[in-house]
Protein backbone atom coordinates (compact mmCIF):
# COMPACT_ATOMS: atom_id res chain seq x y z
CA MET A 1 13.67 -6.60 28.30
CA THR A 2 11.23 -8.92 26.51
CA ALA A 3 12.03 -11.41 23.76
CA LEU A 4 9.78 -10.49 20.84
CA ALA A 5 9.14 -12.35 17.59
CA VAL A 6 7.87 -10.09 14.81
CA LEU A 7 6.28 -12.44 12.29
CA GLY A 8 6.10 -10.78 8.91
CA ALA A 9 8.67 -8.51 7.28
CA GLY A 10 6.42 -6.06 5.49
CA ALA A 11 6.54 -2.33 6.22
CA TRP A 12 4.66 -2.53 9.53
CA GLY A 13 6.58 -5.52 10.86
CA THR A 14 9.89 -3.95 9.91
CA ALA A 15 8.94 -0.63 11.50
CA LEU A 16 7.94 -2.21 14.81
CA ALA A 17 11.03 -4.42 14.86
CA ALA A 18 13.22 -1.35 14.36
CA VAL A 19 11.54 0.73 17.09
CA LEU A 20 11.09 -2.02 19.68
CA SER A 21 14.69 -3.24 19.35
CA ALA A 22 15.81 -0.22 21.37
CA ARG A 23 14.12 -1.76 24.44
CA HIS A 24 13.69 -5.46 23.67
CA GLU A 25 15.33 -8.47 22.08
CA VAL A 26 13.73 -8.61 18.64
CA ARG A 27 13.76 -11.25 15.92
CA LEU A 28 12.12 -10.40 12.60
CA TRP A 29 10.82 -13.36 10.58
CA ALA A 30 10.33 -13.18 6.81
CA ARG A 31 8.31 -15.89 5.10
CA ASP A 32 10.60 -15.66 2.07
CA SER A 33 14.07 -16.85 3.10
CA ALA A 34 15.67 -14.93 0.21
CA GLN A 35 14.05 -11.74 1.47
CA ALA A 36 15.30 -12.47 4.99
CA LYS A 37 18.86 -12.86 3.71
CA SER A 38 18.58 -9.66 1.70
CA ILE A 39 17.31 -7.63 4.68
CA ALA A 40 19.93 -9.11 6.99
CA ALA A 41 22.75 -8.32 4.56
CA ALA A 42 21.63 -4.78 3.65
CA ARG A 43 20.24 -3.95 7.12
CA ARG A 44 17.35 -2.42 5.22
CA ASN A 45 14.02 -3.69 3.85
CA GLU A 46 14.48 -2.45 0.30
CA ARG A 47 11.10 -3.74 -0.86
CA TYR A 48 8.76 -2.47 1.86
CA LEU A 49 10.54 0.19 3.92
CA PRO A 50 13.66 1.34 2.06
CA GLU A 51 13.83 4.68 3.88
CA ILE A 52 14.82 3.10 7.22
CA GLY A 53 18.06 1.41 8.21
CA LEU A 54 17.49 -1.60 10.46
CA PRO A 55 19.29 -1.43 13.84
CA ALA A 56 22.03 -4.01 14.39
CA ALA A 57 20.07 -5.36 17.37
CA VAL A 58 17.33 -6.76 15.11
CA VAL A 59 17.97 -10.39 14.16
CA VAL A 60 16.44 -11.16 10.76
CA THR A 61 15.70 -14.76 9.81
CA GLY A 62 13.64 -16.92 7.49
CA ASP A 63 13.76 -19.79 10.00
CA TRP A 64 10.51 -20.05 11.94
CA ARG A 65 11.96 -21.94 14.89
CA ALA A 66 14.87 -19.53 15.20
CA ALA A 67 12.45 -16.60 15.19
CA THR A 68 10.10 -17.97 17.82
CA ALA A 69 12.41 -19.96 20.13
CA GLY A 70 12.36 -18.34 23.55
CA ALA A 71 9.99 -15.58 22.46
CA GLU A 72 7.67 -14.26 25.16
CA LEU A 73 5.36 -12.40 22.78
CA ALA A 74 4.78 -12.58 19.02
CA LEU A 75 3.54 -9.76 16.81
CA VAL A 76 1.85 -11.19 13.71
CA ALA A 77 2.50 -8.49 11.12
CA THR A 78 1.14 -10.22 8.00
CA PRO A 79 -1.82 -9.10 5.89
CA VAL A 80 -5.14 -10.80 6.74
CA ALA A 81 -4.48 -13.21 3.86
CA GLY A 82 -1.37 -14.50 5.64
CA LEU A 83 -2.84 -14.93 9.13
CA ARG A 84 -3.98 -18.54 8.68
CA GLU A 85 -0.53 -19.66 7.55
CA VAL A 86 1.13 -18.12 10.61
CA LEU A 87 -1.43 -19.68 12.94
CA GLY A 88 -0.76 -23.04 11.30
CA ARG A 89 2.94 -22.72 12.07
CA MET A 90 2.46 -22.11 15.80
CA ASP A 91 3.62 -25.31 17.47
CA ARG A 92 3.77 -24.17 21.10
CA PRO A 93 1.78 -21.87 23.40
CA LEU A 94 3.02 -18.40 22.46
CA PRO A 95 1.11 -15.24 23.41
CA PHE A 96 0.54 -13.14 20.30
CA LEU A 97 -1.03 -10.04 18.83
CA TRP A 98 -2.25 -9.72 15.26
CA LEU A 99 -1.69 -6.40 13.50
CA CYS A 100 -3.65 -7.04 10.30
CA LYS A 101 -6.81 -5.09 9.44
CA GLY A 102 -9.66 -6.18 7.21
CA PHE A 103 -11.82 -9.14 6.27
CA GLU A 104 -10.54 -12.41 4.86
CA GLU A 105 -11.44 -12.24 1.18
CA LYS A 106 -13.02 -15.68 0.65
CA THR A 107 -14.74 -16.09 4.02
CA SER A 108 -15.55 -12.47 5.04
CA LEU A 109 -14.15 -13.32 8.49
CA LEU A 110 -12.41 -10.80 10.73
CA PRO A 111 -9.01 -11.73 12.19
CA HIS A 112 -10.37 -12.70 15.61
CA GLU A 113 -12.81 -15.08 13.92
CA ILE A 114 -9.96 -16.68 11.99
CA VAL A 115 -8.03 -17.10 15.24
CA ALA A 116 -11.06 -18.58 17.01
CA ALA A 117 -11.48 -21.15 14.23
CA SER A 118 -7.83 -22.23 14.47
CA ALA A 119 -6.28 -24.76 16.83
CA VAL A 120 -4.22 -22.06 18.58
CA ARG A 121 -5.24 -21.42 22.18
CA SER A 122 -2.58 -18.97 23.40
CA PRO A 123 -3.41 -15.62 25.04
CA CYS A 124 -3.94 -13.23 22.15
CA GLY A 125 -5.44 -9.98 20.93
CA ALA A 126 -5.46 -7.27 18.28
CA LEU A 127 -3.10 -4.30 18.05
CA SER A 128 -4.53 -1.54 15.89
CA GLY A 129 -4.86 2.19 15.45
CA PRO A 130 -3.83 5.15 13.28
CA SER A 131 -0.28 4.26 12.31
CA PHE A 132 1.77 4.78 9.18
CA ALA A 133 4.74 2.41 9.32
CA LEU A 134 7.25 4.98 8.05
CA GLU A 135 6.39 7.50 10.77
CA VAL A 136 6.59 4.85 13.50
CA ALA A 137 9.96 3.68 12.17
CA ARG A 138 11.22 7.27 12.32
CA GLY A 139 10.30 7.46 16.00
CA LEU A 140 7.40 9.87 15.60
CA PRO A 141 4.61 9.70 18.23
CA CYS A 142 1.92 7.08 17.73
CA ALA A 143 -1.00 5.78 19.83
CA LEU A 144 -2.45 2.29 19.38
CA THR A 145 -5.14 0.17 21.01
CA LEU A 146 -4.46 -3.36 22.24
CA ALA A 147 -7.73 -5.27 22.43
CA SER A 148 -8.15 -8.67 24.09
CA ALA A 149 -10.83 -10.61 25.94
CA ASP A 150 -8.06 -11.60 28.37
CA SER A 151 -7.56 -8.51 30.55
CA ALA A 152 -4.48 -9.87 32.32
CA PHE A 153 -2.80 -10.56 28.98
CA ALA A 154 -3.80 -7.13 27.65
CA SER A 155 -2.24 -5.41 30.67
CA ARG A 156 0.93 -7.45 30.43
CA ALA A 157 1.38 -7.04 26.67
CA SER A 158 0.59 -3.33 26.71
CA ALA A 159 3.21 -2.79 29.41
CA GLN A 160 5.76 -4.63 27.28
CA LEU A 161 5.10 -2.50 24.18
CA HIS A 162 4.27 0.88 25.73
CA GLY A 163 7.16 3.28 25.91
CA ALA A 164 9.21 5.98 24.23
CA ARG A 165 6.89 7.54 21.62
CA LEU A 166 4.60 4.52 21.31
CA ARG A 167 1.52 4.80 23.52
CA ILE A 168 -0.60 1.69 24.03
CA TYR A 169 -4.18 1.81 25.30
CA THR A 170 -6.15 -1.32 26.20
CA SER A 171 -9.69 -2.45 25.41
CA ASP A 172 -11.78 -5.60 25.66
CA ASP A 173 -13.81 -4.70 22.54
CA VAL A 174 -11.92 -6.80 19.99
CA LEU A 175 -14.80 -6.71 17.50
CA GLY A 176 -15.08 -2.92 17.66
CA VAL A 177 -11.35 -2.48 17.14
CA GLU A 178 -11.37 -4.80 14.14
CA ILE A 179 -14.46 -3.30 12.48
CA GLY A 180 -12.83 0.11 12.58
CA GLY A 181 -9.63 -1.22 11.07
CA ALA A 182 -11.48 -3.01 8.28
CA VAL A 183 -14.11 -0.51 7.18
CA LYS A 184 -11.92 2.61 7.34
CA ASN A 185 -9.83 1.20 4.46
CA VAL A 186 -12.90 1.05 2.22
CA LEU A 187 -13.93 4.56 3.20
CA ALA A 188 -10.42 5.83 2.48
CA ILE A 189 -10.83 4.67 -1.12
CA ALA A 190 -14.01 6.74 -1.30
CA VAL A 191 -12.21 9.83 0.00
CA GLY A 192 -9.39 9.24 -2.47
CA ILE A 193 -11.93 9.20 -5.30
CA CYS A 194 -13.44 12.43 -3.96
CA ASP A 195 -10.04 14.13 -3.87
CA GLY A 196 -9.03 12.70 -7.23
CA LEU A 197 -12.16 14.16 -8.82
CA LYS A 198 -11.35 17.52 -7.15
CA LEU A 199 -14.72 17.75 -5.44
CA GLY A 200 -13.34 20.02 -2.72
CA GLU A 201 -12.70 20.00 0.99
CA ASN A 202 -16.39 20.45 1.88
CA ALA A 203 -17.17 17.20 0.09
CA ARG A 204 -14.23 15.46 1.77
CA ALA A 205 -15.44 16.51 5.24
CA ALA A 206 -18.97 15.30 4.47
CA LEU A 207 -17.66 11.99 3.15
CA VAL A 208 -15.47 11.32 6.18
CA THR A 209 -18.33 12.19 8.55
CA ARG A 210 -20.94 10.10 6.78
CA GLY A 211 -18.41 7.32 6.40
CA LEU A 212 -17.90 7.32 10.16
CA ALA A 213 -21.68 7.02 10.53
CA GLU A 214 -21.61 3.92 8.30
CA LEU A 215 -18.79 2.44 10.34
CA ALA A 216 -20.72 3.07 13.56
CA ARG A 217 -23.96 1.55 12.22
CA LEU A 218 -22.24 -1.63 11.15
CA GLY A 219 -20.08 -1.90 14.25
CA VAL A 220 -22.94 -1.48 16.71
CA ALA A 221 -25.13 -3.88 14.72
CA LEU A 222 -22.42 -6.56 14.95
CA GLY A 223 -21.94 -6.01 18.69
CA ALA A 224 -19.21 -3.37 18.95
CA ARG A 225 -19.41 -0.52 21.43
CA ALA A 226 -20.08 2.96 20.07
CA GLU A 227 -17.22 4.47 22.08
CA THR A 228 -14.75 2.11 20.36
CA VAL A 229 -15.90 3.35 16.96
CA MET A 230 -15.27 6.92 18.11
CA GLY A 231 -11.81 6.06 19.42
CA LEU A 232 -8.35 5.50 17.97
CA THR A 233 -9.21 2.44 15.91
CA GLY A 234 -12.39 3.92 14.42
CA ALA A 235 -12.50 7.69 13.99
CA GLY A 236 -8.73 8.04 14.50
CA ASP A 237 -7.71 5.46 11.93
CA LEU A 238 -10.35 6.69 9.46
CA VAL A 239 -9.07 10.27 9.59
CA LEU A 240 -5.48 9.12 9.06
CA THR A 241 -6.19 6.64 6.27
CA ALA A 242 -8.67 8.86 4.44
CA THR A 243 -6.54 12.01 4.42
CA GLY A 244 -2.88 10.99 4.95
CA GLY A 245 -0.41 11.20 2.11
CA LEU A 246 1.07 7.77 2.97
CA SER A 247 -2.28 5.96 2.75
CA ARG A 248 -2.31 3.16 0.16
CA ASN A 249 -6.11 2.92 0.20
CA ARG A 250 -6.51 6.64 -0.41
CA ARG A 251 -4.02 6.31 -3.27
CA VAL A 252 -6.19 3.61 -4.83
CA GLY A 253 -9.11 6.03 -4.85
CA LEU A 254 -7.02 8.85 -6.29
CA GLU A 255 -5.80 6.65 -9.16
CA LEU A 256 -9.29 5.27 -9.86
CA ALA A 257 -10.54 8.86 -10.19
CA ARG A 258 -7.79 9.46 -12.76
CA GLY A 259 -9.06 6.55 -14.83
CA ARG A 260 -6.34 3.95 -14.15
CA PRO A 261 -7.46 0.30 -14.15
CA LEU A 262 -7.67 -1.28 -10.68
CA ALA A 263 -5.32 -4.16 -11.54
CA GLU A 264 -2.66 -1.72 -12.69
CA ILE A 265 -3.05 0.40 -9.54
CA VAL A 266 -2.74 -2.59 -7.21
CA ALA A 267 0.29 -3.93 -9.08
CA SER A 268 2.05 -0.56 -8.84
CA LEU A 269 1.54 -0.17 -5.07
CA GLY A 270 3.99 -2.87 -4.05
CA HIS A 271 1.99 -3.27 -0.83
CA VAL A 272 -1.41 -4.66 0.11
CA ALA A 273 -4.34 -2.19 0.06
CA GLU A 274 -6.80 -4.04 2.31
CA GLY A 275 -9.75 -1.84 1.31
CA VAL A 276 -9.79 -3.44 -2.14
CA ARG A 277 -10.25 -6.86 -0.54
CA SER A 278 -12.61 -5.70 2.20
CA ALA A 279 -15.29 -3.77 0.29
CA ARG A 280 -17.36 -6.77 -0.80
CA ALA A 281 -16.96 -8.52 2.56
CA THR A 282 -18.08 -5.37 4.38
CA LEU A 283 -21.25 -5.26 2.29
CA GLU A 284 -21.97 -8.93 2.90
CA ARG A 285 -21.68 -8.51 6.66
CA ALA A 286 -23.87 -5.39 6.50
CA ARG A 287 -26.59 -7.03 4.44
CA ALA A 288 -26.68 -10.01 6.77
CA SER A 289 -27.43 -7.55 9.59
CA GLY A 290 -29.91 -5.46 7.57
CA ILE A 291 -27.60 -2.43 7.54
CA GLU A 292 -27.43 0.02 4.62
CA LEU A 293 -23.98 1.36 3.70
CA PRO A 294 -24.33 3.73 0.70
CA ILE A 295 -20.69 4.85 0.54
CA THR A 296 -19.32 1.31 0.84
CA THR A 297 -21.84 0.15 -1.78
CA ALA A 298 -20.61 2.82 -4.20
CA VAL A 299 -16.95 1.93 -3.58
CA ALA A 300 -17.63 -1.77 -4.19
CA ALA A 301 -19.39 -0.92 -7.45
CA VAL A 302 -16.38 1.09 -8.64
CA LEU A 303 -13.90 -1.62 -7.63
CA GLU A 304 -15.95 -4.25 -9.43
CA GLY A 305 -16.25 -2.13 -12.59
CA ARG A 306 -20.02 -1.61 -12.37
CA LEU A 307 -19.74 2.16 -11.94
CA THR A 308 -17.18 4.76 -12.88
CA PRO A 309 -16.01 7.11 -10.11
CA PRO A 310 -18.13 10.04 -11.44
CA GLN A 311 -21.18 7.77 -11.68
CA ALA A 312 -20.66 6.62 -8.09
CA VAL A 313 -20.56 10.24 -6.91
CA GLU A 314 -23.78 11.05 -8.79
CA LEU A 315 -25.43 8.01 -7.24
CA LEU A 316 -24.58 9.22 -3.73
CA LEU A 317 -25.66 12.81 -4.48
CA SER A 318 -29.01 11.68 -5.91
CA ARG A 319 -30.07 9.95 -2.69
CA ASP A 320 -33.23 11.33 -1.06
CA PRO A 321 -32.80 13.78 1.85
CA ARG A 322 -33.14 12.35 5.34
CA SER A 323 -32.49 13.23 8.97
CA GLU A 324 -28.93 12.92 10.26
């Protein structure tokens, strides 16, 4: 049994705390102390995962020191926007994994770049893959990739988390894992727009396939391995996020196609849709590497109000023919 600190009480953090508590000692930390008290009292995260009752074994707290004291591994389950704050709170060497996907909005940095720029020097890595929090919390099968430059840490942490219906694979391609997790959210918005405009399943298949090509071009240009892009955290996560009914990013696209304003859509989600924040950053990284991303460019234009969804589709369809 391992002492785990799950840092962040959103849907994903709550789901992992619930599942892992069957095999480990788990403490779930909420940044908002009032939220922590509410979850602890109700044994349910009414805001982010109301469908799941929290096992009695999960200790919920808003006290950082109480959450991390004695922990052998921390799972940072905040959005990308909250990663810096958590890193700033780490006051002792504590091995950790970050679960967030996307680019930091103001800096266009990926999570591993944020970690590298911090003062934290603990063994660490990324945990990512096709995973809806609600399904994981219900004990349905799920496969994830744990990526770290430290192979000994990756082996140790994967052994701690692997089990029951949660399969953990390891990789040393942190960049590749993170690029997949970031760009697939943007592409899921595109597929949501396609479905919302009722363009058909042929168009959806083409969009997912060409989106994967964009993801691969950018990933390889930045130094990722092609096989990582074709794995769980690239192709796998793209298929899930672009087509799954629980996908927040796909829902953003669906609602944009119906004519709802972006601000209203985001406010109604109640959760973070990282693709909204990542579209512009993805383009900036691509342009710096001389990479063309037509689908991502169209999504960014829609999100920024420069094109309507139908106009974005026409722009993509009017592109000159070329070899695949």
